[in-house]
Amino acid sequence: MRKRLSVVIILAVCVLSLVFATGCSNKFTQLKAKDENLGNYEGLEVAEGMSAYDLVMEAYKNWCNDENYVRDEYFSFAANDGAVATRNTHLIRKIKGDEIYSQEIIFGTRFDKGSCTKKYYFDGENAYFTNVAGKKHISYDKANNVLSTTDWGKFAPFTGDVQEENRVLTEHMTTYDISSRDYLSKDHDDTVYVADGIYYCTITIDCREEIMKTVHRAALDEFLANTGAKEEGFSCEDTTIDFAIAEIDGVMKMLIWKRNEKYSGNHASFFISVGCEQTCLAYFSYGNAEITSQDIAGIA
């Protein structure tokens, strides 16, 4: 029995070594935006006198103050061309006045065990949530990147910190700290481009080891938790976030943003390297948020 167990452990280590050494495949993680200009600036006109950082921070502030919008977001991760682990998620968040509604489907395969469906609703006074673990009720149309579920669960009173949860849902754009220009990469390009009234730019975040362990500590902790990697030897390439921003009703507002991340390290339990690439893509629309009776079915 002991010999058989040893063989199983050795096989597991070999498989994990293959997974993490090859990292994540672009085939799975490079979500393509509907706007072909996002992150692709060749041939676009330069918006003279504009700063990418200033524009993004202005749009971010306006987003935090907006009281009617929908956020439609996709996330993709894959290890070893999807042969061993994948994760795809679809999040829809609606803000309408004091109301906050959020739903998310998370579908993981193989070594990824995070599959679930969940909802959150704040009616202006009270908060409710659902969470159904597992993936038996989830369907994933890989060809069209469409996730669906037959079970959203039943709402129950939310028992966490409602004020903090609401803040995260309405103000959290990224775990990285971009509150200062000092936290941008030396390779950051502050140019803004414009086409058909839409402004395009990229924020490049400094992810050197000493910065990750201090300024971006929250992002580092998140990576370590998700990968099982040790802090020693962990490295992250400079993260980029591409933006499409437009003036709507006299103020600058985000239309699309896309975050691209690449990181690597050593697994905490095995003598193997950990490597990954992942993409998050979000679309924003304004003034059309509708929280339906179907969204919040079951709340008395």
Protein backbone atom coordinates (compact mmCIF):
# COMPACT_ATOMS: atom_id res chain seq x y z
CA MET A 1 0.00 0.00 0.00
CA ARG A 2 2.84 2.38 0.87
CA LYS A 3 4.55 1.62 -2.46
CA ARG A 4 1.33 2.36 -4.38
CA LEU A 5 0.87 5.64 -2.52
CA SER A 6 4.43 6.67 -3.40
CA VAL A 7 3.78 5.99 -7.07
CA VAL A 8 0.63 8.12 -6.96
CA ILE A 9 2.50 11.00 -5.35
CA ILE A 10 5.32 10.79 -7.91
CA LEU A 11 2.82 10.81 -10.78
CA ALA A 12 1.02 13.80 -9.27
CA VAL A 13 4.27 15.73 -8.98
CA CYS A 14 5.17 14.91 -12.59
CA VAL A 15 1.79 16.11 -13.82
CA LEU A 16 1.98 19.31 -11.79
CA SER A 17 5.51 19.91 -13.03
CA LEU A 18 4.25 19.68 -16.61
CA VAL A 19 1.35 22.02 -15.85
CA PHE A 20 3.21 24.78 -14.10
CA ALA A 21 6.40 24.62 -16.12
CA THR A 22 4.50 25.21 -19.35
CA GLY A 23 2.43 27.99 -17.80
CA CYS A 24 -0.80 29.18 -19.38
CA SER A 25 -1.69 29.11 -23.03
CA ASN A 26 -2.47 32.30 -24.94
CA LYS A 27 -5.03 30.25 -26.87
CA PHE A 28 -7.23 30.20 -23.80
CA THR A 29 -6.41 33.34 -21.86
CA GLN A 30 -6.26 36.06 -24.50
CA LEU A 31 -9.84 37.33 -24.47
CA LYS A 32 -10.41 39.47 -27.53
CA ALA A 33 -12.21 42.78 -27.07
CA LYS A 34 -15.06 43.78 -29.36
CA ASP A 35 -13.20 47.03 -30.06
CA GLU A 36 -10.19 46.24 -32.25
CA ASN A 37 -8.48 49.51 -31.23
CA LEU A 38 -8.22 48.47 -27.57
CA GLY A 39 -4.49 48.03 -26.93
CA ASN A 40 -3.77 48.33 -30.65
CA TYR A 41 -2.75 51.91 -31.45
CA GLU A 42 -1.01 51.61 -34.80
CA GLY A 43 -2.40 54.23 -37.16
CA LEU A 44 -4.44 56.00 -34.46
CA GLU A 45 -4.23 59.75 -33.94
CA VAL A 46 -2.43 60.98 -30.82
CA ALA A 47 -4.61 63.05 -28.48
CA GLU A 48 -2.21 65.96 -27.96
CA GLY A 49 -1.84 67.34 -24.45
CA MET A 50 -3.53 64.36 -22.76
CA SER A 51 -2.02 62.03 -20.16
CA ALA A 52 -3.03 58.36 -20.02
CA TYR A 53 -2.63 58.25 -16.25
CA ASP A 54 -4.63 61.44 -15.66
CA LEU A 55 -7.38 60.29 -18.02
CA VAL A 56 -7.70 56.88 -16.35
CA MET A 57 -7.82 58.38 -12.85
CA GLU A 58 -10.46 60.90 -13.96
CA ALA A 59 -12.58 58.13 -15.51
CA TYR A 60 -12.08 55.95 -12.43
CA LYS A 61 -13.30 58.73 -10.12
CA ASN A 62 -16.35 59.29 -12.31
CA TRP A 63 -17.06 55.55 -12.31
CA CYS A 64 -16.98 55.40 -8.50
CA ASN A 65 -19.53 58.24 -8.40
CA ASP A 66 -21.80 56.86 -11.12
CA GLU A 67 -25.25 55.75 -9.98
CA ASN A 68 -26.53 53.92 -13.04
CA TYR A 69 -24.39 51.48 -15.02
CA VAL A 70 -23.85 47.83 -15.94
CA ARG A 71 -20.48 46.08 -15.76
CA ASP A 72 -20.14 42.99 -17.96
CA GLU A 73 -16.88 41.18 -17.20
CA TYR A 74 -15.06 38.05 -18.39
CA PHE A 75 -12.01 36.29 -16.95
CA SER A 76 -9.96 33.47 -18.48
CA PHE A 77 -7.14 31.28 -17.17
CA ALA A 78 -5.67 28.04 -18.53
CA ALA A 79 -2.79 25.73 -17.65
CA ASN A 80 -1.07 23.43 -20.15
CA ASP A 81 -3.42 24.31 -23.02
CA GLY A 82 -6.36 23.51 -20.77
CA ALA A 83 -5.39 19.85 -20.44
CA VAL A 84 -5.00 20.11 -16.67
CA ALA A 85 -6.69 23.28 -15.39
CA THR A 86 -8.87 26.07 -16.73
CA ARG A 87 -11.05 28.77 -15.25
CA ASN A 88 -13.61 30.92 -17.03
CA THR A 89 -15.88 33.39 -15.30
CA HIS A 90 -18.67 35.75 -16.29
CA LEU A 91 -19.73 38.56 -13.99
CA ILE A 92 -22.63 40.98 -14.40
CA ARG A 93 -22.96 43.88 -11.98
CA LYS A 94 -25.74 46.46 -11.99
CA ILE A 95 -25.75 49.72 -10.05
CA LYS A 96 -28.99 51.69 -9.90
CA GLY A 97 -29.21 54.46 -7.32
CA ASP A 98 -28.69 52.89 -3.90
CA GLU A 99 -29.25 49.38 -5.24
CA ILE A 100 -26.36 47.02 -6.02
CA TYR A 101 -26.82 43.72 -7.82
CA SER A 102 -24.04 41.30 -8.75
CA GLN A 103 -24.05 37.80 -10.24
CA GLU A 104 -21.13 35.59 -11.22
CA ILE A 105 -20.60 32.17 -12.75
CA ILE A 106 -17.20 30.55 -12.14
CA PHE A 107 -16.37 27.40 -14.10
CA GLY A 108 -13.12 25.57 -13.38
CA THR A 109 -11.86 22.25 -14.68
CA ARG A 110 -9.35 19.62 -13.60
CA PHE A 111 -7.17 21.03 -10.79
CA ASP A 112 -9.29 24.19 -10.47
CA LYS A 113 -11.91 23.54 -7.78
CA GLY A 114 -13.46 27.00 -7.58
CA SER A 115 -16.60 26.39 -9.63
CA CYS A 116 -19.73 28.07 -8.26
CA THR A 117 -22.56 30.48 -8.94
CA LYS A 118 -23.23 33.43 -6.67
CA LYS A 119 -25.35 36.54 -6.34
CA TYR A 120 -25.39 39.60 -4.11
CA TYR A 121 -28.12 42.20 -3.75
CA PHE A 122 -28.25 45.36 -1.66
CA ASP A 123 -31.63 47.11 -1.70
CA GLY A 124 -30.39 50.33 -0.12
CA GLU A 125 -30.83 49.06 3.45
CA ASN A 126 -30.37 45.30 3.58
CA ALA A 127 -28.08 42.86 1.77
CA TYR A 128 -28.71 39.31 0.57
CA PHE A 129 -26.57 36.66 -1.11
CA THR A 130 -26.54 33.21 -2.72
CA ASN A 131 -23.68 30.78 -3.33
CA VAL A 132 -23.97 27.35 -4.96
CA ALA A 133 -20.68 25.44 -5.02
CA GLY A 134 -19.72 22.93 -7.69
CA LYS A 135 -20.26 22.85 -11.44
CA LYS A 136 -22.92 20.19 -12.09
CA HIS A 137 -25.44 22.97 -12.65
CA ILE A 138 -23.11 25.03 -14.91
CA SER A 139 -22.80 24.79 -18.68
CA TYR A 140 -19.93 26.27 -20.68
CA ASP A 141 -20.11 26.88 -24.42
CA LYS A 142 -16.38 27.10 -25.13
CA ALA A 143 -16.78 28.10 -28.77
CA ASN A 144 -18.76 31.22 -27.86
CA ASN A 145 -17.38 31.71 -24.33
CA VAL A 146 -20.89 31.56 -22.83
CA LEU A 147 -21.53 30.38 -19.28
CA SER A 148 -25.00 29.48 -17.99
CA THR A 149 -26.50 27.82 -14.94
CA THR A 150 -29.67 26.04 -13.89
CA ASP A 151 -29.23 26.89 -10.21
CA TRP A 152 -28.53 30.29 -8.67
CA GLY A 153 -29.51 29.09 -5.21
CA LYS A 154 -31.76 30.82 -2.69
CA PHE A 155 -31.11 34.25 -1.23
CA ALA A 156 -30.23 34.50 2.45
CA PRO A 157 -29.36 37.55 4.57
CA PHE A 158 -25.75 38.63 3.99
CA THR A 159 -23.84 38.22 7.25
CA GLY A 160 -20.58 39.94 6.30
CA ASP A 161 -19.56 43.59 6.43
CA VAL A 162 -22.16 45.15 4.14
CA GLN A 163 -20.46 48.54 3.95
CA GLU A 164 -17.13 47.01 2.91
CA GLU A 165 -18.79 44.64 0.45
CA ASN A 166 -20.61 47.53 -1.20
CA ARG A 167 -17.38 49.53 -1.40
CA VAL A 168 -15.54 46.68 -3.10
CA LEU A 169 -18.36 46.09 -5.58
CA THR A 170 -18.56 49.75 -6.61
CA GLU A 171 -14.96 50.99 -6.26
CA HIS A 172 -12.60 48.03 -6.80
CA MET A 173 -11.08 48.06 -10.26
CA THR A 174 -7.80 46.25 -9.57
CA THR A 175 -5.88 44.90 -6.57
CA TYR A 176 -2.81 46.83 -7.72
CA ASP A 177 -2.28 50.26 -6.18
CA ILE A 178 -2.27 52.85 -8.98
CA SER A 179 -3.03 55.84 -6.76
CA SER A 180 0.32 57.44 -7.67
CA ARG A 181 2.34 57.83 -10.85
CA ASP A 182 5.28 56.52 -8.82
CA TYR A 183 3.73 53.05 -9.03
CA LEU A 184 3.81 52.93 -12.82
CA SER A 185 6.46 50.98 -14.71
CA LYS A 186 9.47 52.71 -16.24
CA ASP A 187 8.11 51.30 -19.51
CA HIS A 188 4.75 53.01 -19.08
CA ASP A 189 3.70 55.02 -22.14
CA ASP A 190 1.56 57.99 -21.12
CA THR A 191 0.29 58.62 -24.66
CA VAL A 192 -3.46 58.82 -25.33
CA TYR A 193 -4.84 57.95 -28.75
CA VAL A 194 -8.21 58.87 -30.23
CA ALA A 195 -10.49 57.38 -32.89
CA ASP A 196 -14.15 58.18 -33.56
CA GLY A 197 -14.46 60.12 -30.32
CA ILE A 198 -13.08 57.29 -28.16
CA TYR A 199 -9.82 57.68 -26.25
CA TYR A 200 -7.46 54.71 -25.93
CA CYS A 201 -4.50 54.22 -23.61
CA THR A 202 -2.61 51.68 -21.53
CA ILE A 203 -1.48 51.81 -17.91
CA THR A 204 1.66 49.73 -17.27
CA ILE A 205 2.12 48.88 -13.59
CA ASP A 206 5.51 48.41 -11.92
CA CYS A 207 5.63 44.81 -10.70
CA ARG A 208 9.24 44.49 -9.61
CA GLU A 209 9.79 42.23 -6.61
CA GLU A 210 10.33 45.04 -4.09
CA ILE A 211 7.19 46.83 -5.33
CA MET A 212 5.06 43.68 -5.22
CA LYS A 213 6.11 43.04 -1.61
CA THR A 214 5.18 46.55 -0.50
CA VAL A 215 2.93 48.71 -2.69
CA HIS A 216 1.14 45.80 -4.38
CA ARG A 217 1.17 43.51 -1.34
CA ALA A 218 -2.55 42.71 -1.71
CA ALA A 219 -2.04 41.62 -5.33
CA LEU A 220 0.94 39.45 -4.35
CA ASP A 221 -1.03 37.76 -1.56
CA GLU A 222 -3.83 37.04 -4.02
CA PHE A 223 -1.42 35.44 -6.50
CA LEU A 224 0.22 33.29 -3.80
CA ALA A 225 -3.15 32.09 -2.54
CA ASN A 226 -4.41 31.22 -6.01
CA THR A 227 -1.29 29.37 -7.17
CA GLY A 228 0.03 27.82 -3.98
CA ALA A 229 3.38 29.44 -4.74
CA LYS A 230 5.98 30.50 -2.19
CA GLU A 231 6.75 34.18 -1.82
CA GLU A 232 10.47 33.57 -2.20
CA GLY A 233 11.31 33.45 -5.87
CA PHE A 234 7.93 34.79 -6.99
CA SER A 235 8.07 37.24 -9.90
CA CYS A 236 5.52 39.12 -11.95
CA GLU A 237 5.98 40.86 -15.27
CA ASP A 238 4.74 44.44 -15.44
CA THR A 239 0.95 44.23 -15.65
CA THR A 240 -0.89 46.18 -18.32
CA ILE A 241 -4.44 47.52 -18.34
CA ASP A 242 -5.81 48.75 -21.67
CA PHE A 243 -8.62 51.32 -21.61
CA ALA A 244 -11.26 52.69 -23.95
CA ILE A 245 -12.76 55.90 -22.54
CA ALA A 246 -15.35 58.33 -23.91
CA GLU A 247 -16.98 61.58 -22.85
CA ILE A 248 -20.58 60.83 -21.86
CA ASP A 249 -22.90 63.56 -20.56
CA GLY A 250 -19.93 65.87 -20.16
CA VAL A 251 -17.68 63.52 -18.15
CA MET A 252 -15.08 60.92 -19.06
CA LYS A 253 -16.28 57.35 -18.54
CA MET A 254 -14.69 53.95 -19.02
CA LEU A 255 -16.18 51.87 -21.82
CA ILE A 256 -13.77 48.91 -21.74
CA TRP A 257 -10.76 47.82 -19.76
CA LYS A 258 -8.59 44.75 -20.19
CA ARG A 259 -5.99 43.55 -17.68
CA ASN A 260 -3.17 41.20 -18.73
CA GLU A 261 -0.97 39.44 -16.14
CA LYS A 262 2.00 37.06 -16.27
CA TYR A 263 3.67 35.67 -13.16
CA SER A 264 5.80 32.76 -11.96
CA GLY A 265 7.29 31.20 -8.85
CA ASN A 266 7.95 27.97 -6.95
CA HIS A 267 5.17 25.79 -5.57
CA ALA A 268 4.97 25.73 -1.78
CA SER A 269 4.49 21.95 -1.52
CA PHE A 270 6.41 20.55 -4.49
CA PHE A 271 9.80 21.27 -6.06
CA ILE A 272 8.22 22.70 -9.19
CA SER A 273 7.95 26.04 -10.92
CA VAL A 274 4.62 27.85 -11.17
CA GLY A 275 3.81 29.97 -14.21
CA CYS A 276 0.63 31.62 -15.36
CA GLU A 277 -0.92 34.15 -17.70
CA GLN A 278 -4.48 35.45 -17.32
CA THR A 279 -6.77 38.03 -18.83
CA CYS A 280 -9.73 39.99 -17.48
CA LEU A 281 -11.98 41.96 -19.86
CA ALA A 282 -14.77 44.31 -18.72
CA TYR A 283 -17.38 46.35 -20.60
CA PHE A 284 -19.36 49.25 -19.13
CA SER A 285 -22.68 50.74 -20.26
CA TYR A 286 -24.38 53.70 -18.59
CA GLY A 287 -27.92 54.81 -17.82
CA ASN A 288 -29.54 51.47 -18.67
CA ALA A 289 -29.25 49.41 -15.48
CA GLU A 290 -32.36 47.41 -14.65
CA ILE A 291 -32.49 45.07 -11.66
CA THR A 292 -35.29 42.70 -12.61
CA SER A 293 -37.65 40.59 -10.50
CA GLN A 294 -35.90 37.54 -11.97
CA ASP A 295 -32.53 38.82 -10.77
CA ILE A 296 -33.70 38.95 -7.17
CA ALA A 297 -36.35 36.22 -7.20
CA GLY A 298 -36.91 34.73 -3.77
CA ILE A 299 -36.31 37.83 -1.67
CA ALA A 300 -39.44 38.50 0.37
